[in-house]
Amino acid sequence: MRQEIAKSLGKNIRKQRVLIGLSQDALALACSMDRSYIGRIERGEMNLTVEKLYRLAESLKCRPHDLLPMLDYKL
């Protein structure tokens, strides 16, 4: 389940980045992160901190919850 969430989040981040016309390099620079780290996030290989999610959302001109995946699961 954890990896599914990370992959869906990464897919949403990539989608938003492409939508606003940013390269991984430009996003990394805007967020003060390494480009390879952005790539790992987009591939779902990294679990983000809340702080980094907010930084990404600000640079991607959206709200943090817009990047979060909608998953069907029961609590």
PDB file of N, CA and C in Angstrom:
ATOM      1  N   MET A   1       0.830  -1.192   0.000  1.00  0.00           N
ATOM      2  CA  MET A   1       0.000   0.000   0.000  1.00  0.00           C
ATOM      3  C   MET A   1       0.874   1.254   0.000  1.00  0.00           C
ATOM      4  N   ARG A   2       1.947   1.263   0.801  1.00  0.00           N
ATOM      5  CA  ARG A   2       2.808   2.436   0.922  1.00  0.00           C
ATOM      6  C   ARG A   2       3.440   2.802  -0.414  1.00  0.00           C
ATOM      7  N   GLN A   3       3.915   1.791  -1.137  1.00  0.00           N
ATOM      8  CA  GLN A   3       4.548   2.046  -2.432  1.00  0.00           C
ATOM      9  C   GLN A   3       3.517   2.539  -3.448  1.00  0.00           C
ATOM     10  N   GLU A   4       2.302   2.026  -3.368  1.00  0.00           N
ATOM     11  CA  GLU A   4       1.224   2.465  -4.264  1.00  0.00           C
ATOM     12  C   GLU A   4       0.941   3.957  -4.050  1.00  0.00           C
ATOM     13  N   ILE A   5       0.945   4.388  -2.815  1.00  0.00           N
ATOM     14  CA  ILE A   5       0.704   5.799  -2.508  1.00  0.00           C
ATOM     15  C   ILE A   5       1.839   6.655  -3.060  1.00  0.00           C
ATOM     16  N   ALA A   6       3.075   6.240  -2.843  1.00  0.00           N
ATOM     17  CA  ALA A   6       4.228   7.001  -3.325  1.00  0.00           C
ATOM     18  C   ALA A   6       4.220   7.090  -4.851  1.00  0.00           C
ATOM     19  N   LYS A   7       3.867   6.012  -5.533  1.00  0.00           N
ATOM     20  CA  LYS A   7       3.818   6.028  -6.995  1.00  0.00           C
ATOM     21  C   LYS A   7       2.713   6.938  -7.504  1.00  0.00           C
ATOM     22  N   SER A   8       1.553   6.890  -6.874  1.00  0.00           N
ATOM     23  CA  SER A   8       0.445   7.759  -7.283  1.00  0.00           C
ATOM     24  C   SER A   8       0.768   9.223  -7.023  1.00  0.00           C
ATOM     25  N   LEU A   9       1.383   9.509  -5.894  1.00  0.00           N
ATOM     26  CA  LEU A   9       1.794  10.873  -5.586  1.00  0.00           C
ATOM     27  C   LEU A   9       2.805  11.359  -6.614  1.00  0.00           C
ATOM     28  N   GLY A  10       3.798  10.545  -6.924  1.00  0.00           N
ATOM     29  CA  GLY A  10       4.799  10.906  -7.916  1.00  0.00           C
ATOM     30  C   GLY A  10       4.196  11.167  -9.287  1.00  0.00           C
ATOM     31  N   LYS A  11       3.229  10.348  -9.660  1.00  0.00           N
ATOM     32  CA  LYS A  11       2.545  10.532 -10.940  1.00  0.00           C
ATOM     33  C   LYS A  11       1.803  11.866 -10.963  1.00  0.00           C
ATOM     34  N   ASN A  12       1.165  12.217  -9.863  1.00  0.00           N
ATOM     35  CA  ASN A  12       0.439  13.484  -9.780  1.00  0.00           C
ATOM     36  C   ASN A  12       1.393  14.674  -9.844  1.00  0.00           C
ATOM     37  N   ILE A  13       2.535  14.546  -9.196  1.00  0.00           N
ATOM     38  CA  ILE A  13       3.533  15.623  -9.223  1.00  0.00           C
ATOM     39  C   ILE A  13       4.048  15.807 -10.645  1.00  0.00           C
ATOM     40  N   ARG A  14       4.384  14.711 -11.313  1.00  0.00           N
ATOM     41  CA  ARG A  14       4.869  14.788 -12.697  1.00  0.00           C
ATOM     42  C   ARG A  14       3.808  15.413 -13.605  1.00  0.00           C
ATOM     43  N   LYS A  15       2.560  14.985 -13.449  1.00  0.00           N
ATOM     44  CA  LYS A  15       1.462  15.509 -14.273  1.00  0.00           C
ATOM     45  C   LYS A  15       1.344  17.025 -14.108  1.00  0.00           C
ATOM     46  N   GLN A  16       1.382  17.501 -12.874  1.00  0.00           N
ATOM     47  CA  GLN A  16       1.263  18.936 -12.614  1.00  0.00           C
ATOM     48  C   GLN A  16       2.484  19.688 -13.152  1.00  0.00           C
ATOM     49  N   ARG A  17       3.659  19.109 -12.995  1.00  0.00           N
ATOM     50  CA  ARG A  17       4.889  19.743 -13.485  1.00  0.00           C
ATOM     51  C   ARG A  17       4.831  19.924 -14.992  1.00  0.00           C
ATOM     52  N   VAL A  18       4.431  18.880 -15.701  1.00  0.00           N
ATOM     53  CA  VAL A  18       4.334  18.943 -17.160  1.00  0.00           C
ATOM     54  C   VAL A  18       3.235  19.927 -17.566  1.00  0.00           C
ATOM     55  N   LEU A  19       2.126  19.910 -16.835  1.00  0.00           N
ATOM     56  CA  LEU A  19       0.998  20.799 -17.136  1.00  0.00           C
ATOM     57  C   LEU A  19       1.410  22.266 -17.113  1.00  0.00           C
ATOM     58  N   ILE A  20       2.255  22.641 -16.157  1.00  0.00           N
ATOM     59  CA  ILE A  20       2.663  24.051 -16.081  1.00  0.00           C
ATOM     60  C   ILE A  20       3.965  24.324 -16.838  1.00  0.00           C
ATOM     61  N   GLY A  21       4.509  23.306 -17.473  1.00  0.00           N
ATOM     62  CA  GLY A  21       5.651  23.489 -18.348  1.00  0.00           C
ATOM     63  C   GLY A  21       7.005  23.612 -17.668  1.00  0.00           C
ATOM     64  N   LEU A  22       7.159  22.938 -16.531  1.00  0.00           N
ATOM     65  CA  LEU A  22       8.448  22.957 -15.835  1.00  0.00           C
ATOM     66  C   LEU A  22       9.230  21.685 -16.118  1.00  0.00           C
ATOM     67  N   SER A  23      10.527  21.823 -16.270  1.00  0.00           N
ATOM     68  CA  SER A  23      11.401  20.650 -16.350  1.00  0.00           C
ATOM     69  C   SER A  23      11.694  20.182 -14.925  1.00  0.00           C
ATOM     70  N   GLN A  24      12.230  18.980 -14.799  1.00  0.00           N
ATOM     71  CA  GLN A  24      12.650  18.513 -13.478  1.00  0.00           C
ATOM     72  C   GLN A  24      13.723  19.433 -12.908  1.00  0.00           C
ATOM     73  N   ASP A  25      14.621  19.899 -13.768  1.00  0.00           N
ATOM     74  CA  ASP A  25      15.678  20.814 -13.316  1.00  0.00           C
ATOM     75  C   ASP A  25      15.094  22.098 -12.745  1.00  0.00           C
ATOM     76  N   ALA A  26      14.123  22.677 -13.457  1.00  0.00           N
ATOM     77  CA  ALA A  26      13.511  23.934 -12.999  1.00  0.00           C
ATOM     78  C   ALA A  26      12.757  23.730 -11.693  1.00  0.00           C
ATOM     79  N   LEU A  27      12.035  22.610 -11.570  1.00  0.00           N
ATOM     80  CA  LEU A  27      11.314  22.325 -10.330  1.00  0.00           C
ATOM     81  C   LEU A  27      12.292  22.123  -9.184  1.00  0.00           C
ATOM     82  N   ALA A  28      13.345  21.384  -9.433  1.00  0.00           N
ATOM     83  CA  ALA A  28      14.349  21.146  -8.397  1.00  0.00           C
ATOM     84  C   ALA A  28      14.953  22.455  -7.909  1.00  0.00           C
ATOM     85  N   LEU A  29      15.270  23.344  -8.836  1.00  0.00           N
ATOM     86  CA  LEU A  29      15.837  24.645  -8.478  1.00  0.00           C
ATOM     87  C   LEU A  29      14.841  25.460  -7.656  1.00  0.00           C
ATOM     88  N   ALA A  30      13.584  25.468  -8.084  1.00  0.00           N
ATOM     89  CA  ALA A  30      12.551  26.235  -7.374  1.00  0.00           C
ATOM     90  C   ALA A  30      12.313  25.716  -5.959  1.00  0.00           C
ATOM     91  N   CYS A  31      12.495  24.409  -5.765  1.00  0.00           N
ATOM     92  CA  CYS A  31      12.238  23.782  -4.466  1.00  0.00           C
ATOM     93  C   CYS A  31      13.489  23.604  -3.619  1.00  0.00           C
ATOM     94  N   SER A  32      14.636  24.000  -4.146  1.00  0.00           N
ATOM     95  CA  SER A  32      15.919  23.774  -3.468  1.00  0.00           C
ATOM     96  C   SER A  32      16.137  22.286  -3.187  1.00  0.00           C
ATOM     97  N   MET A  33      15.867  21.478  -4.205  1.00  0.00           N
ATOM     98  CA  MET A  33      16.077  20.038  -4.130  1.00  0.00           C
ATOM     99  C   MET A  33      16.946  19.626  -5.305  1.00  0.00           C
ATOM    100  N   ASP A  34      17.539  18.461  -5.225  1.00  0.00           N
ATOM    101  CA  ASP A  34      18.349  17.925  -6.305  1.00  0.00           C
ATOM    102  C   ASP A  34      17.446  17.360  -7.398  1.00  0.00           C
ATOM    103  N   ARG A  35      17.853  17.510  -8.671  1.00  0.00           N
ATOM    104  CA  ARG A  35      17.046  17.010  -9.771  1.00  0.00           C
ATOM    105  C   ARG A  35      16.845  15.498  -9.689  1.00  0.00           C
ATOM    106  N   SER A  36      17.871  14.775  -9.277  1.00  0.00           N
ATOM    107  CA  SER A  36      17.728  13.321  -9.163  1.00  0.00           C
ATOM    108  C   SER A  36      16.721  12.946  -8.077  1.00  0.00           C
ATOM    109  N   TYR A  37      16.621  13.776  -7.030  1.00  0.00           N
ATOM    110  CA  TYR A  37      15.632  13.549  -5.974  1.00  0.00           C
ATOM    111  C   TYR A  37      14.221  13.741  -6.529  1.00  0.00           C
ATOM    112  N   ILE A  38      14.036  14.768  -7.352  1.00  0.00           N
ATOM    113  CA  ILE A  38      12.730  15.001  -7.990  1.00  0.00           C
ATOM    114  C   ILE A  38      12.364  13.789  -8.849  1.00  0.00           C
ATOM    115  N   GLY A  39      13.329  13.268  -9.583  1.00  0.00           N
ATOM    116  CA  GLY A  39      13.084  12.083 -10.403  1.00  0.00           C
ATOM    117  C   GLY A  39      12.665  10.887  -9.570  1.00  0.00           C
ATOM    118  N   ARG A  40      13.310  10.690  -8.432  1.00  0.00           N
ATOM    119  CA  ARG A  40      12.946   9.566  -7.550  1.00  0.00           C
ATOM    120  C   ARG A  40      11.556   9.774  -6.952  1.00  0.00           C
ATOM    121  N   ILE A  41      11.208  11.008  -6.644  1.00  0.00           N
ATOM    122  CA  ILE A  41       9.860  11.291  -6.145  1.00  0.00           C
ATOM    123  C   ILE A  41       8.834  10.935  -7.217  1.00  0.00           C
ATOM    124  N   GLU A  42       9.079  11.394  -8.440  1.00  0.00           N
ATOM    125  CA  GLU A  42       8.132  11.152  -9.528  1.00  0.00           C
ATOM    126  C   GLU A  42       7.997   9.672  -9.862  1.00  0.00           C
ATOM    127  N   ARG A  43       9.021   8.893  -9.634  1.00  0.00           N
ATOM    128  CA  ARG A  43       8.957   7.442  -9.873  1.00  0.00           C
ATOM    129  C   ARG A  43       8.366   6.683  -8.679  1.00  0.00           C
ATOM    130  N   GLY A  44       8.076   7.392  -7.603  1.00  0.00           N
ATOM    131  CA  GLY A  44       7.490   6.752  -6.433  1.00  0.00           C
ATOM    132  C   GLY A  44       8.489   6.034  -5.565  1.00  0.00           C
ATOM    133  N   GLU A  45       9.759   6.415  -5.673  1.00  0.00           N
ATOM    134  CA  GLU A  45      10.815   5.759  -4.905  1.00  0.00           C
ATOM    135  C   GLU A  45      11.084   6.438  -3.563  1.00  0.00           C
ATOM    136  N   MET A  46      10.479   7.581  -3.338  1.00  0.00           N
ATOM    137  CA  MET A  46      10.727   8.355  -2.114  1.00  0.00           C
ATOM    138  C   MET A  46       9.420   8.649  -1.406  1.00  0.00           C
ATOM    139  N   ASN A  47       9.469   8.644  -0.082  1.00  0.00           N
ATOM    140  CA  ASN A  47       8.347   9.116   0.722  1.00  0.00           C
ATOM    141  C   ASN A  47       8.668  10.539   1.145  1.00  0.00           C
ATOM    142  N   LEU A  48       7.764  11.444   0.841  1.00  0.00           N
ATOM    143  CA  LEU A  48       7.978  12.865   1.117  1.00  0.00           C
ATOM    144  C   LEU A  48       7.635  13.247   2.540  1.00  0.00           C
ATOM    145  N   THR A  49       8.318  14.253   3.039  1.00  0.00           N
ATOM    146  CA  THR A  49       7.887  14.885   4.271  1.00  0.00           C
ATOM    147  C   THR A  49       6.786  15.879   3.910  1.00  0.00           C
ATOM    148  N   VAL A  50       6.028  16.274   4.883  1.00  0.00           N
ATOM    149  CA  VAL A  50       4.976  17.265   4.663  1.00  0.00           C
ATOM    150  C   VAL A  50       5.587  18.581   4.188  1.00  0.00           C
ATOM    151  N   GLU A  51       6.717  18.949   4.764  1.00  0.00           N
ATOM    152  CA  GLU A  51       7.392  20.189   4.363  1.00  0.00           C
ATOM    153  C   GLU A  51       7.742  20.162   2.873  1.00  0.00           C
ATOM    154  N   LYS A  52       8.269  19.057   2.395  1.00  0.00           N
ATOM    155  CA  LYS A  52       8.642  18.962   0.983  1.00  0.00           C
ATOM    156  C   LYS A  52       7.416  18.940   0.086  1.00  0.00           C
ATOM    157  N   LEU A  53       6.340  18.320   0.534  1.00  0.00           N
ATOM    158  CA  LEU A  53       5.097  18.334  -0.223  1.00  0.00           C
ATOM    159  C   LEU A  53       4.611  19.766  -0.404  1.00  0.00           C
ATOM    160  N   TYR A  54       4.680  20.565   0.650  1.00  0.00           N
ATOM    161  CA  TYR A  54       4.247  21.966   0.573  1.00  0.00           C
ATOM    162  C   TYR A  54       5.162  22.771  -0.351  1.00  0.00           C
ATOM    163  N   ARG A  55       6.461  22.529  -0.278  1.00  0.00           N
ATOM    164  CA  ARG A  55       7.408  23.220  -1.166  1.00  0.00           C
ATOM    165  C   ARG A  55       7.118  22.886  -2.629  1.00  0.00           C
ATOM    166  N   LEU A  56       6.888  21.611  -2.904  1.00  0.00           N
ATOM    167  CA  LEU A  56       6.573  21.193  -4.265  1.00  0.00           C
ATOM    168  C   LEU A  56       5.267  21.833  -4.742  1.00  0.00           C
ATOM    169  N   ALA A  57       4.252  21.798  -3.910  1.00  0.00           N
ATOM    170  CA  ALA A  57       2.960  22.367  -4.295  1.00  0.00           C
ATOM    171  C   ALA A  57       3.088  23.861  -4.602  1.00  0.00           C
ATOM    172  N   GLU A  58       3.821  24.577  -3.790  1.00  0.00           N
ATOM    173  CA  GLU A  58       3.999  26.009  -4.035  1.00  0.00           C
ATOM    174  C   GLU A  58       4.679  26.235  -5.387  1.00  0.00           C
ATOM    175  N   SER A  59       5.714  25.489  -5.676  1.00  0.00           N
ATOM    176  CA  SER A  59       6.434  25.631  -6.938  1.00  0.00           C
ATOM    177  C   SER A  59       5.604  25.163  -8.125  1.00  0.00           C
ATOM    178  N   LEU A  60       4.694  24.227  -7.875  1.00  0.00           N
ATOM    179  CA  LEU A  60       3.827  23.708  -8.936  1.00  0.00           C
ATOM    180  C   LEU A  60       2.522  24.493  -9.060  1.00  0.00           C
ATOM    181  N   LYS A  61       2.404  25.567  -8.271  1.00  0.00           N
ATOM    182  CA  LYS A  61       1.242  26.464  -8.335  1.00  0.00           C
ATOM    183  C   LYS A  61      -0.083  25.733  -8.090  1.00  0.00           C
ATOM    184  N   CYS A  62      -0.071  24.897  -7.052  1.00  0.00           N
ATOM    185  CA  CYS A  62      -1.280  24.181  -6.668  1.00  0.00           C
ATOM    186  C   CYS A  62      -1.287  24.023  -5.146  1.00  0.00           C
ATOM    187  N   ARG A  63      -2.333  23.425  -4.640  1.00  0.00           N
ATOM    188  CA  ARG A  63      -2.420  23.156  -3.206  1.00  0.00           C
ATOM    189  C   ARG A  63      -1.866  21.761  -2.921  1.00  0.00           C
ATOM    190  N   PRO A  64      -1.286  21.558  -1.760  1.00  0.00           N
ATOM    191  CA  PRO A  64      -0.720  20.234  -1.450  1.00  0.00           C
ATOM    192  C   PRO A  64      -1.715  19.090  -1.641  1.00  0.00           C
ATOM    193  N   HIS A  65      -2.947  19.303  -1.231  1.00  0.00           N
ATOM    194  CA  HIS A  65      -3.905  18.202  -1.350  1.00  0.00           C
ATOM    195  C   HIS A  65      -4.264  17.894  -2.806  1.00  0.00           C
ATOM    196  N   ASP A  66      -3.987  18.829  -3.716  1.00  0.00           N
ATOM    197  CA  ASP A  66      -4.214  18.545  -5.138  1.00  0.00           C
ATOM    198  C   ASP A  66      -3.241  17.477  -5.652  1.00  0.00           C
ATOM    199  N   LEU A  67      -2.117  17.327  -4.989  1.00  0.00           N
ATOM    200  CA  LEU A  67      -1.102  16.353  -5.409  1.00  0.00           C
ATOM    201  C   LEU A  67      -1.322  14.974  -4.791  1.00  0.00           C
ATOM    202  N   LEU A  68      -2.067  14.932  -3.699  1.00  0.00           N
ATOM    203  CA  LEU A  68      -2.266  13.659  -3.005  1.00  0.00           C
ATOM    204  C   LEU A  68      -3.163  12.724  -3.806  1.00  0.00           C
ATOM    205  N   PRO A  69      -2.841  11.446  -3.834  1.00  0.00           N
ATOM    206  CA  PRO A  69      -3.653  10.492  -4.604  1.00  0.00           C
ATOM    207  C   PRO A  69      -4.968  10.180  -3.908  1.00  0.00           C
ATOM    208  N   MET A  70      -5.962   9.902  -4.719  1.00  0.00           N
ATOM    209  CA  MET A  70      -7.258   9.448  -4.218  1.00  0.00           C
ATOM    210  C   MET A  70      -7.241   7.929  -4.280  1.00  0.00           C
ATOM    211  N   LEU A  71      -7.157   7.287  -3.135  1.00  0.00           N
ATOM    212  CA  LEU A  71      -7.099   5.836  -3.087  1.00  0.00           C
ATOM    213  C   LEU A  71      -8.349   5.280  -2.453  1.00  0.00           C
ATOM    214  N   ASP A  72      -8.788   4.155  -2.946  1.00  0.00           N
ATOM    215  CA  ASP A  72      -9.946   3.467  -2.361  1.00  0.00           C
ATOM    216  C   ASP A  72      -9.438   2.414  -1.383  1.00  0.00           C
ATOM    217  N   TYR A  73      -9.628   2.676  -0.117  1.00  0.00           N
ATOM    218  CA  TYR A  73      -9.272   1.684   0.885  1.00  0.00           C
ATOM    219  C   TYR A  73     -10.127   1.923   2.117  1.00  0.00           C
ATOM    220  N   LYS A  74     -10.268   0.884   2.904  1.00  0.00           N
ATOM    221  CA  LYS A  74     -11.096   0.959   4.107  1.00  0.00           C
ATOM    222  C   LYS A  74     -10.192   1.123   5.324  1.00  0.00           C
ATOM    223  N   LEU A  75     -10.600   1.992   6.213  1.00  0.00           N
ATOM    224  CA  LEU A  75      -9.837   2.193   7.452  1.00  0.00           C
ATOM    225  C   LEU A  75     -10.184   1.127   8.461  1.00  0.00           C
TER     226      LEU A  75
END
